[in-house]
Structure formats: structure tokens, C-alpha cells
Amino acid sequence: MSAGLLRAFPPGRTGVARRSLKQLRDRHPLPAGRAGLPVEEILFAVALYGDRALTALAPRFARDGGLTGRGGSTEREQPGLSCGSGSGMSCGAV
């Protein structure tokens, strides 16, 4: 699964980096839950989707770590994310 996926991107988000990230997200949608997922796939999802994956796959950790509630980053719309793009992400409150 990891062969060829990890690459060094230049600083800042370039068009190439955005397209690469979109392609990876298209090939690996955000899982609905963690049941039956190996730890490696959970970590991979968090690497691709950030706080939204962490909240979906490790909600207690996200809550206890301060990522949700009181304006945590999972409650704000992330710049550059679009709803309904087929990325497997949902919009709105998490």
C-alpha cells in the first residue's frame, strides 16, 4: 500500500502537490469507521485527511486532545476542501 505514495513535496502547496493529494484521496477515501482497519490504514487516513480522519477514527483521542469542542480545528471549514467532490469527506459539523 505504501509503495510510491510517500514523496517529498516542495514547501507550500503547489498545483502539483494539490493534484497529488487529490489523487491519493480519490484512491483512498476516508473510512466511515475504524472497525477492522489495521493501524497502518488508520494512520494513513489521518495523514491524508488530517483532523477530520482523526475525529472519525479516534473520536475520544481527538476530543481529549482538544481537537473538538471550543472551536477546535475539526469544527472549522478547512481552506481548500470542497464538499461533494467525491473525496469521501463529509461537510458540516463533525
PDB file of N, CA and C in Angstrom:
ATOM      1  N   MET A   1       0.821  -1.184   0.000  1.00  0.00           N
ATOM      2  CA  MET A   1       0.000   0.000   0.000  1.00  0.00           C
ATOM      3  C   MET A   1       0.868   1.251   0.000  1.00  0.00           C
ATOM      4  N   SER A   2       1.988   1.257   0.675  1.00  0.00           N
ATOM      5  CA  SER A   2       2.761   2.485   0.808  1.00  0.00           C
ATOM      6  C   SER A   2       3.762   2.686  -0.325  1.00  0.00           C
ATOM      7  N   ALA A   3       3.955   1.695  -1.160  1.00  0.00           N
ATOM      8  CA  ALA A   3       4.950   1.815  -2.221  1.00  0.00           C
ATOM      9  C   ALA A   3       4.620   2.967  -3.160  1.00  0.00           C
ATOM     10  N   GLY A   4       5.527   3.908  -3.269  1.00  0.00           N
ATOM     11  CA  GLY A   4       5.369   5.017  -4.195  1.00  0.00           C
ATOM     12  C   GLY A   4       4.468   6.129  -3.718  1.00  0.00           C
ATOM     13  N   LEU A   5       3.921   6.028  -2.503  1.00  0.00           N
ATOM     14  CA  LEU A   5       2.996   7.054  -2.037  1.00  0.00           C
ATOM     15  C   LEU A   5       3.696   8.194  -1.320  1.00  0.00           C
ATOM     16  N   LEU A   6       4.798   7.902  -0.651  1.00  0.00           N
ATOM     17  CA  LEU A   6       5.479   8.936   0.116  1.00  0.00           C
ATOM     18  C   LEU A   6       6.501   9.631  -0.764  1.00  0.00           C
ATOM     19  N   ARG A   7       6.308  10.924  -0.937  1.00  0.00           N
ATOM     20  CA  ARG A   7       7.225  11.737  -1.728  1.00  0.00           C
ATOM     21  C   ARG A   7       7.456  13.042  -0.994  1.00  0.00           C
ATOM     22  N   ALA A   8       8.586  13.642  -1.251  1.00  0.00           N
ATOM     23  CA  ALA A   8       8.857  14.952  -0.665  1.00  0.00           C
ATOM     24  C   ALA A   8       8.278  16.020  -1.580  1.00  0.00           C
ATOM     25  N   PHE A   9       7.406  16.870  -1.033  1.00  0.00           N
ATOM     26  CA  PHE A   9       6.822  17.962  -1.788  1.00  0.00           C
ATOM     27  C   PHE A   9       7.562  19.247  -1.457  1.00  0.00           C
ATOM     28  N   PRO A  10       7.643  20.169  -2.397  1.00  0.00           N
ATOM     29  CA  PRO A  10       8.285  21.453  -2.106  1.00  0.00           C
ATOM     30  C   PRO A  10       7.493  22.223  -1.058  1.00  0.00           C
ATOM     31  N   PRO A  11       8.131  23.205  -0.408  1.00  0.00           N
ATOM     32  CA  PRO A  11       7.419  23.990   0.611  1.00  0.00           C
ATOM     33  C   PRO A  11       6.186  24.675   0.021  1.00  0.00           C
ATOM     34  N   GLY A  12       5.140  24.797   0.833  1.00  0.00           N
ATOM     35  CA  GLY A  12       3.904  25.417   0.359  1.00  0.00           C
ATOM     36  C   GLY A  12       3.151  24.470  -0.552  1.00  0.00           C
ATOM     37  N   ARG A  13       1.897  24.746  -0.731  1.00  0.00           N
ATOM     38  CA  ARG A  13       1.095  23.882  -1.610  1.00  0.00           C
ATOM     39  C   ARG A  13       1.187  24.367  -3.037  1.00  0.00           C
ATOM     40  N   THR A  14       1.781  23.556  -3.855  1.00  0.00           N
ATOM     41  CA  THR A  14       1.864  23.868  -5.273  1.00  0.00           C
ATOM     42  C   THR A  14       0.730  23.156  -5.990  1.00  0.00           C
ATOM     43  N   GLY A  15       0.523  23.491  -7.233  1.00  0.00           N
ATOM     44  CA  GLY A  15      -0.501  22.808  -8.013  1.00  0.00           C
ATOM     45  C   GLY A  15      -0.236  21.314  -8.102  1.00  0.00           C
ATOM     46  N   VAL A  16       1.025  20.953  -8.254  1.00  0.00           N
ATOM     47  CA  VAL A  16       1.387  19.536  -8.332  1.00  0.00           C
ATOM     48  C   VAL A  16       1.062  18.839  -7.017  1.00  0.00           C
ATOM     49  N   ALA A  17       1.381  19.488  -5.903  1.00  0.00           N
ATOM     50  CA  ALA A  17       1.106  18.891  -4.594  1.00  0.00           C
ATOM     51  C   ALA A  17      -0.391  18.731  -4.377  1.00  0.00           C
ATOM     52  N   ARG A  18      -1.176  19.753  -4.740  1.00  0.00           N
ATOM     53  CA  ARG A  18      -2.635  19.656  -4.578  1.00  0.00           C
ATOM     54  C   ARG A  18      -3.208  18.534  -5.433  1.00  0.00           C
ATOM     55  N   ARG A  19      -2.747  18.423  -6.668  1.00  0.00           N
ATOM     56  CA  ARG A  19      -3.240  17.348  -7.539  1.00  0.00           C
ATOM     57  C   ARG A  19      -2.841  15.973  -7.000  1.00  0.00           C
ATOM     58  N   SER A  20      -1.625  15.855  -6.507  1.00  0.00           N
ATOM     59  CA  SER A  20      -1.163  14.574  -5.955  1.00  0.00           C
ATOM     60  C   SER A  20      -1.991  14.185  -4.741  1.00  0.00           C
ATOM     61  N   LEU A  21      -2.249  15.148  -3.862  1.00  0.00           N
ATOM     62  CA  LEU A  21      -3.057  14.883  -2.684  1.00  0.00           C
ATOM     63  C   LEU A  21      -4.478  14.503  -3.071  1.00  0.00           C
ATOM     64  N   LYS A  22      -5.041  15.189  -4.045  1.00  0.00           N
ATOM     65  CA  LYS A  22      -6.386  14.854  -4.516  1.00  0.00           C
ATOM     66  C   LYS A  22      -6.428  13.441  -5.093  1.00  0.00           C
ATOM     67  N   GLN A  23      -5.420  13.078  -5.872  1.00  0.00           N
ATOM     68  CA  GLN A  23      -5.366  11.731  -6.445  1.00  0.00           C
ATOM     69  C   GLN A  23      -5.285  10.668  -5.348  1.00  0.00           C
ATOM     70  N   LEU A  24      -4.463  10.919  -4.345  1.00  0.00           N
ATOM     71  CA  LEU A  24      -4.364   9.967  -3.234  1.00  0.00           C
ATOM     72  C   LEU A  24      -5.691   9.854  -2.494  1.00  0.00           C
ATOM     73  N   ARG A  25      -6.349  10.997  -2.259  1.00  0.00           N
ATOM     74  CA  ARG A  25      -7.648  10.966  -1.576  1.00  0.00           C
ATOM     75  C   ARG A  25      -8.703  10.268  -2.428  1.00  0.00           C
ATOM     76  N   ASP A  26      -8.655  10.458  -3.750  1.00  0.00           N
ATOM     77  CA  ASP A  26      -9.610   9.777  -4.629  1.00  0.00           C
ATOM     78  C   ASP A  26      -9.420   8.263  -4.564  1.00  0.00           C
ATOM     79  N   ARG A  27      -8.166   7.821  -4.493  1.00  0.00           N
ATOM     80  CA  ARG A  27      -7.864   6.381  -4.444  1.00  0.00           C
ATOM     81  C   ARG A  27      -8.083   5.783  -3.062  1.00  0.00           C
ATOM     82  N   HIS A  28      -8.038   6.623  -2.027  1.00  0.00           N
ATOM     83  CA  HIS A  28      -8.159   6.150  -0.647  1.00  0.00           C
ATOM     84  C   HIS A  28      -9.163   7.019   0.101  1.00  0.00           C
ATOM     85  N   PRO A  29     -10.480   6.763  -0.095  1.00  0.00           N
ATOM     86  CA  PRO A  29     -11.494   7.583   0.581  1.00  0.00           C
ATOM     87  C   PRO A  29     -11.399   7.446   2.098  1.00  0.00           C
ATOM     88  N   LEU A  30     -11.875   8.471   2.789  1.00  0.00           N
ATOM     89  CA  LEU A  30     -11.885   8.469   4.249  1.00  0.00           C
ATOM     90  C   LEU A  30     -12.807   7.357   4.733  1.00  0.00           C
ATOM     91  N   PRO A  31     -12.287   6.413   5.533  1.00  0.00           N
ATOM     92  CA  PRO A  31     -13.139   5.340   6.050  1.00  0.00           C
ATOM     93  C   PRO A  31     -14.233   5.894   6.955  1.00  0.00           C
ATOM     94  N   ALA A  32     -15.378   5.224   6.962  1.00  0.00           N
ATOM     95  CA  ALA A  32     -16.501   5.656   7.795  1.00  0.00           C
ATOM     96  C   ALA A  32     -16.250   5.361   9.267  1.00  0.00           C
ATOM     97  N   GLY A  33     -15.473   4.350   9.546  1.00  0.00           N
ATOM     98  CA  GLY A  33     -15.172   3.971  10.929  1.00  0.00           C
ATOM     99  C   GLY A  33     -13.906   3.147  10.970  1.00  0.00           C
ATOM    100  N   ARG A  34     -13.449   2.858  12.182  1.00  0.00           N
ATOM    101  CA  ARG A  34     -12.181   2.158  12.314  1.00  0.00           C
ATOM    102  C   ARG A  34     -12.320   0.654  12.446  1.00  0.00           C
ATOM    103  N   ALA A  35     -13.541   0.132  12.537  1.00  0.00           N
ATOM    104  CA  ALA A  35     -13.752  -1.297  12.720  1.00  0.00           C
ATOM    105  C   ALA A  35     -13.052  -2.101  11.621  1.00  0.00           C
ATOM    106  N   GLY A  36     -12.180  -2.984  12.032  1.00  0.00           N
ATOM    107  CA  GLY A  36     -11.493  -3.865  11.101  1.00  0.00           C
ATOM    108  C   GLY A  36     -10.311  -3.244  10.373  1.00  0.00           C
ATOM    109  N   LEU A  37     -10.030  -1.981  10.598  1.00  0.00           N
ATOM    110  CA  LEU A  37      -8.905  -1.332   9.912  1.00  0.00           C
ATOM    111  C   LEU A  37      -7.608  -1.585  10.667  1.00  0.00           C
ATOM    112  N   PRO A  38      -6.564  -1.980   9.954  1.00  0.00           N
ATOM    113  CA  PRO A  38      -5.254  -2.092  10.603  1.00  0.00           C
ATOM    114  C   PRO A  38      -4.758  -0.699  10.999  1.00  0.00           C
ATOM    115  N   VAL A  39      -3.903  -0.653  11.992  1.00  0.00           N
ATOM    116  CA  VAL A  39      -3.364   0.617  12.483  1.00  0.00           C
ATOM    117  C   VAL A  39      -2.724   1.405  11.348  1.00  0.00           C
ATOM    118  N   GLU A  40      -2.042   0.734  10.440  1.00  0.00           N
ATOM    119  CA  GLU A  40      -1.378   1.421   9.334  1.00  0.00           C
ATOM    120  C   GLU A  40      -2.368   2.189   8.466  1.00  0.00           C
ATOM    121  N   GLU A  41      -3.549   1.616   8.229  1.00  0.00           N
ATOM    122  CA  GLU A  41      -4.556   2.298   7.415  1.00  0.00           C
ATOM    123  C   GLU A  41      -5.172   3.479   8.154  1.00  0.00           C
ATOM    124  N   ILE A  42      -5.324   3.371   9.465  1.00  0.00           N
ATOM    125  CA  ILE A  42      -5.828   4.488  10.260  1.00  0.00           C
ATOM    126  C   ILE A  42      -4.834   5.642  10.195  1.00  0.00           C
ATOM    127  N   LEU A  43      -3.559   5.336  10.382  1.00  0.00           N
ATOM    128  CA  LEU A  43      -2.530   6.376  10.322  1.00  0.00           C
ATOM    129  C   LEU A  43      -2.444   6.993   8.932  1.00  0.00           C
ATOM    130  N   PHE A  44      -2.589   6.179   7.910  1.00  0.00           N
ATOM    131  CA  PHE A  44      -2.554   6.674   6.530  1.00  0.00           C
ATOM    132  C   PHE A  44      -3.723   7.633   6.297  1.00  0.00           C
ATOM    133  N   ALA A  45      -4.910   7.271   6.788  1.00  0.00           N
ATOM    134  CA  ALA A  45      -6.080   8.142   6.638  1.00  0.00           C
ATOM    135  C   ALA A  45      -5.862   9.469   7.360  1.00  0.00           C
ATOM    136  N   VAL A  46      -5.274   9.426   8.544  1.00  0.00           N
ATOM    137  CA  VAL A  46      -5.002  10.661   9.282  1.00  0.00           C
ATOM    138  C   VAL A  46      -3.985  11.506   8.528  1.00  0.00           C
ATOM    139  N   ALA A  47      -2.996  10.865   7.914  1.00  0.00           N
ATOM    140  CA  ALA A  47      -2.011  11.611   7.130  1.00  0.00           C
ATOM    141  C   ALA A  47      -2.663  12.289   5.929  1.00  0.00           C
ATOM    142  N   LEU A  48      -3.631  11.627   5.293  1.00  0.00           N
ATOM    143  CA  LEU A  48      -4.287  12.196   4.115  1.00  0.00           C
ATOM    144  C   LEU A  48      -5.360  13.221   4.460  1.00  0.00           C
ATOM    145  N   TYR A  49      -6.119  12.972   5.515  1.00  0.00           N
ATOM    146  CA  TYR A  49      -7.298  13.798   5.807  1.00  0.00           C
ATOM    147  C   TYR A  49      -7.171  14.643   7.064  1.00  0.00           C
ATOM    148  N   GLY A  50      -6.108  14.468   7.832  1.00  0.00           N
ATOM    149  CA  GLY A  50      -5.880  15.306   8.998  1.00  0.00           C
ATOM    150  C   GLY A  50      -6.898  15.118  10.097  1.00  0.00           C
ATOM    151  N   ASP A  51      -7.314  16.254  10.671  1.00  0.00           N
ATOM    152  CA  ASP A  51      -8.198  16.249  11.838  1.00  0.00           C
ATOM    153  C   ASP A  51      -9.520  15.549  11.586  1.00  0.00           C
ATOM    154  N   ARG A  52     -10.038  15.648  10.379  1.00  0.00           N
ATOM    155  CA  ARG A  52     -11.336  15.003  10.094  1.00  0.00           C
ATOM    156  C   ARG A  52     -11.224  13.482  10.247  1.00  0.00           C
ATOM    157  N   ALA A  53     -10.133  12.905   9.772  1.00  0.00           N
ATOM    158  CA  ALA A  53      -9.938  11.464   9.934  1.00  0.00           C
ATOM    159  C   ALA A  53      -9.700  11.124  11.395  1.00  0.00           C
ATOM    160  N   LEU A  54      -8.933  11.940  12.069  1.00  0.00           N
ATOM    161  CA  LEU A  54      -8.664  11.698  13.483  1.00  0.00           C
ATOM    162  C   LEU A  54      -9.967  11.720  14.280  1.00  0.00           C
ATOM    163  N   THR A  55     -10.845  12.674  13.969  1.00  0.00           N
ATOM    164  CA  THR A  55     -12.127  12.765  14.657  1.00  0.00           C
ATOM    165  C   THR A  55     -13.014  11.565  14.322  1.00  0.00           C
ATOM    166  N   ALA A  56     -13.009  11.123  13.078  1.00  0.00           N
ATOM    167  CA  ALA A  56     -13.853   9.999  12.670  1.00  0.00           C
ATOM    168  C   ALA A  56     -13.320   8.665  13.185  1.00  0.00           C
ATOM    169  N   LEU A  57     -11.996   8.502  13.209  1.00  0.00           N
ATOM    170  CA  LEU A  57     -11.408   7.203  13.513  1.00  0.00           C
ATOM    171  C   LEU A  57     -10.911   7.072  14.951  1.00  0.00           C
ATOM    172  N   ALA A  58     -10.688   8.181  15.616  1.00  0.00           N
ATOM    173  CA  ALA A  58     -10.245   8.167  17.013  1.00  0.00           C
ATOM    174  C   ALA A  58     -10.936   9.308  17.761  1.00  0.00           C
ATOM    175  N   PRO A  59     -12.273   9.259  17.861  1.00  0.00           N
ATOM    176  CA  PRO A  59     -13.015  10.393  18.404  1.00  0.00           C
ATOM    177  C   PRO A  59     -12.649  10.742  19.853  1.00  0.00           C
ATOM    178  N   ARG A  60     -12.432   9.746  20.679  1.00  0.00           N
ATOM    179  CA  ARG A  60     -12.083  10.032  22.079  1.00  0.00           C
ATOM    180  C   ARG A  60     -10.726  10.725  22.158  1.00  0.00           C
ATOM    181  N   PHE A  61      -9.764  10.255  21.386  1.00  0.00           N
ATOM    182  CA  PHE A  61      -8.446  10.888  21.353  1.00  0.00           C
ATOM    183  C   PHE A  61      -8.546  12.324  20.847  1.00  0.00           C
ATOM    184  N   ALA A  62      -9.330  12.529  19.792  1.00  0.00           N
ATOM    185  CA  ALA A  62      -9.495  13.874  19.234  1.00  0.00           C
ATOM    186  C   ALA A  62     -10.142  14.806  20.250  1.00  0.00           C
ATOM    187  N   ARG A  63     -11.160  14.304  20.940  1.00  0.00           N
ATOM    188  CA  ARG A  63     -11.844  15.120  21.950  1.00  0.00           C
ATOM    189  C   ARG A  63     -10.921  15.422  23.120  1.00  0.00           C
ATOM    190  N   ASP A  64     -10.277  14.381  23.660  1.00  0.00           N
ATOM    191  CA  ASP A  64      -9.399  14.566  24.816  1.00  0.00           C
ATOM    192  C   ASP A  64      -8.167  15.394  24.469  1.00  0.00           C
ATOM    193  N   GLY A  65      -7.762  15.367  23.210  1.00  0.00           N
ATOM    194  CA  GLY A  65      -6.618  16.150  22.767  1.00  0.00           C
ATOM    195  C   GLY A  65      -6.966  17.588  22.429  1.00  0.00           C
ATOM    196  N   GLY A  66      -8.245  17.949  22.570  1.00  0.00           N
ATOM    197  CA  GLY A  66      -8.669  19.320  22.329  1.00  0.00           C
ATOM    198  C   GLY A  66      -8.889  19.657  20.869  1.00  0.00           C
ATOM    199  N   LEU A  67      -9.022  18.649  20.022  1.00  0.00           N
ATOM    200  CA  LEU A  67      -9.243  18.905  18.600  1.00  0.00           C
ATOM    201  C   LEU A  67     -10.698  19.185  18.285  1.00  0.00           C
ATOM    202  N   THR A  68     -11.605  18.835  19.198  1.00  0.00           N
ATOM    203  CA  THR A  68     -13.025  19.126  19.003  1.00  0.00           C
ATOM    204  C   THR A  68     -13.524  19.912  20.205  1.00  0.00           C
ATOM    205  N   GLY A  69     -14.608  20.642  19.991  1.00  0.00           N
ATOM    206  CA  GLY A  69     -15.158  21.465  21.059  1.00  0.00           C
ATOM    207  C   GLY A  69     -14.371  22.761  21.195  1.00  0.00           C
ATOM    208  N   ARG A  70     -15.021  23.795  21.650  1.00  0.00           N
ATOM    209  CA  ARG A  70     -14.383  25.089  21.859  1.00  0.00           C
ATOM    210  C   ARG A  70     -13.658  25.602  20.618  1.00  0.00           C
ATOM    211  N   GLY A  71     -14.241  25.378  19.457  1.00  0.00           N
ATOM    212  CA  GLY A  71     -13.658  25.927  18.229  1.00  0.00           C
ATOM    213  C   GLY A  71     -12.446  25.183  17.728  1.00  0.00           C
ATOM    214  N   GLY A  72     -12.314  23.904  18.076  1.00  0.00           N
ATOM    215  CA  GLY A  72     -11.180  23.112  17.600  1.00  0.00           C
ATOM    216  C   GLY A  72     -11.131  23.075  16.088  1.00  0.00           C
ATOM    217  N   SER A  73     -10.004  22.701  15.557  1.00  0.00           N
ATOM    218  CA  SER A  73      -9.807  22.769  14.106  1.00  0.00           C
ATOM    219  C   SER A  73     -10.760  21.878  13.334  1.00  0.00           C
ATOM    220  N   THR A  74     -11.296  20.830  13.962  1.00  0.00           N
ATOM    221  CA  THR A  74     -12.224  19.970  13.239  1.00  0.00           C
ATOM    222  C   THR A  74     -13.588  20.613  13.073  1.00  0.00           C
ATOM    223  N   GLU A  75     -13.834  21.715  13.772  1.00  0.00           N
ATOM    224  CA  GLU A  75     -15.134  22.374  13.668  1.00  0.00           C
ATOM    225  C   GLU A  75     -15.147  23.522  12.682  1.00  0.00           C
ATOM    226  N   ARG A  76     -14.004  23.889  12.165  1.00  0.00           N
ATOM    227  CA  ARG A  76     -13.927  24.973  11.191  1.00  0.00           C
ATOM    228  C   ARG A  76     -13.723  24.367   9.810  1.00  0.00           C
ATOM    229  N   GLU A  77     -14.294  25.009   8.827  1.00  0.00           N
ATOM    230  CA  GLU A  77     -14.088  24.569   7.447  1.00  0.00           C
ATOM    231  C   GLU A  77     -12.619  24.747   7.100  1.00  0.00           C
ATOM    232  N   GLN A  78     -12.019  23.701   6.615  1.00  0.00           N
ATOM    233  CA  GLN A  78     -10.616  23.751   6.253  1.00  0.00           C
ATOM    234  C   GLN A  78     -10.469  24.411   4.895  1.00  0.00           C
ATOM    235  N   PRO A  79      -9.543  25.366   4.741  1.00  0.00           N
ATOM    236  CA  PRO A  79      -9.344  26.016   3.448  1.00  0.00           C
ATOM    237  C   PRO A  79      -8.951  24.990   2.388  1.00  0.00           C
ATOM    238  N   GLY A  80      -9.521  25.131   1.221  1.00  0.00           N
ATOM    239  CA  GLY A  80      -9.155  24.271   0.110  1.00  0.00           C
ATOM    240  C   GLY A  80      -9.934  22.974   0.028  1.00  0.00           C
ATOM    241  N   LEU A  81     -10.770  22.678   1.025  1.00  0.00           N
ATOM    242  CA  LEU A  81     -11.564  21.457   0.969  1.00  0.00           C
ATOM    243  C   LEU A  81     -12.902  21.785   0.343  1.00  0.00           C
ATOM    244  N   SER A  82     -13.354  20.920  -0.528  1.00  0.00           N
ATOM    245  CA  SER A  82     -14.643  21.159  -1.154  1.00  0.00           C
ATOM    246  C   SER A  82     -15.579  20.020  -0.815  1.00  0.00           C
ATOM    247  N   CYS A  83     -16.833  20.327  -0.684  1.00  0.00           N
ATOM    248  CA  CYS A  83     -17.842  19.329  -0.356  1.00  0.00           C
ATOM    249  C   CYS A  83     -18.339  18.660  -1.635  1.00  0.00           C
ATOM    250  N   GLY A  84     -18.651  17.397  -1.538  1.00  0.00           N
ATOM    251  CA  GLY A  84     -19.228  16.706  -2.677  1.00  0.00           C
ATOM    252  C   GLY A  84     -18.268  16.498  -3.831  1.00  0.00           C
ATOM    253  N   SER A  85     -16.969  16.531  -3.562  1.00  0.00           N
ATOM    254  CA  SER A  85     -16.015  16.386  -4.655  1.00  0.00           C
ATOM    255  C   SER A  85     -15.690  14.927  -4.930  1.00  0.00           C
ATOM    256  N   GLY A  86     -16.342  14.024  -4.212  1.00  0.00           N
ATOM    257  CA  GLY A  86     -16.048  12.625  -4.407  1.00  0.00           C
ATOM    258  C   GLY A  86     -14.837  12.176  -3.620  1.00  0.00           C
ATOM    259  N   SER A  87     -14.402  12.994  -2.683  1.00  0.00           N
ATOM    260  CA  SER A  87     -13.200  12.649  -1.912  1.00  0.00           C
ATOM    261  C   SER A  87     -13.515  11.743  -0.723  1.00  0.00           C
ATOM    262  N   GLY A  88     -14.777  11.429  -0.497  1.00  0.00           N
ATOM    263  CA  GLY A  88     -15.140  10.596   0.630  1.00  0.00           C
ATOM    264  C   GLY A  88     -15.291  11.404   1.907  1.00  0.00           C
ATOM    265  N   MET A  89     -15.147  12.705   1.833  1.00  0.00           N
ATOM    266  CA  MET A  89     -15.262  13.558   3.012  1.00  0.00           C
ATOM    267  C   MET A  89     -16.679  14.100   3.113  1.00  0.00           C
ATOM    268  N   SER A  90     -17.100  14.352   4.338  1.00  0.00           N
ATOM    269  CA  SER A  90     -18.398  14.974   4.516  1.00  0.00           C
ATOM    270  C   SER A  90     -18.199  16.385   5.034  1.00  0.00           C
ATOM    271  N   CYS A  91     -19.155  17.230   4.796  1.00  0.00           N
ATOM    272  CA  CYS A  91     -19.067  18.614   5.239  1.00  0.00           C
ATOM    273  C   CYS A  91     -20.018  18.844   6.383  1.00  0.00           C
ATOM    274  N   GLY A  92     -19.774  19.894   7.111  1.00  0.00           N
ATOM    275  CA  GLY A  92     -20.630  20.234   8.237  1.00  0.00           C
ATOM    276  C   GLY A  92     -19.977  19.832   9.538  1.00  0.00           C
ATOM    277  N   ALA A  93     -20.771  19.832  10.603  1.00  0.00           N
ATOM    278  CA  ALA A  93     -20.241  19.502  11.921  1.00  0.00           C
ATOM    279  C   ALA A  93     -19.782  18.066  11.971  1.00  0.00           C
ATOM    280  N   VAL A  94     -18.719  17.848  12.679  1.00  0.00           N
ATOM    281  CA  VAL A  94     -18.159  16.500  12.810  1.00  0.00           C
ATOM    282  C   VAL A  94     -18.574  15.909  14.114  1.00  0.00           C
TER     283      VAL A  94
END
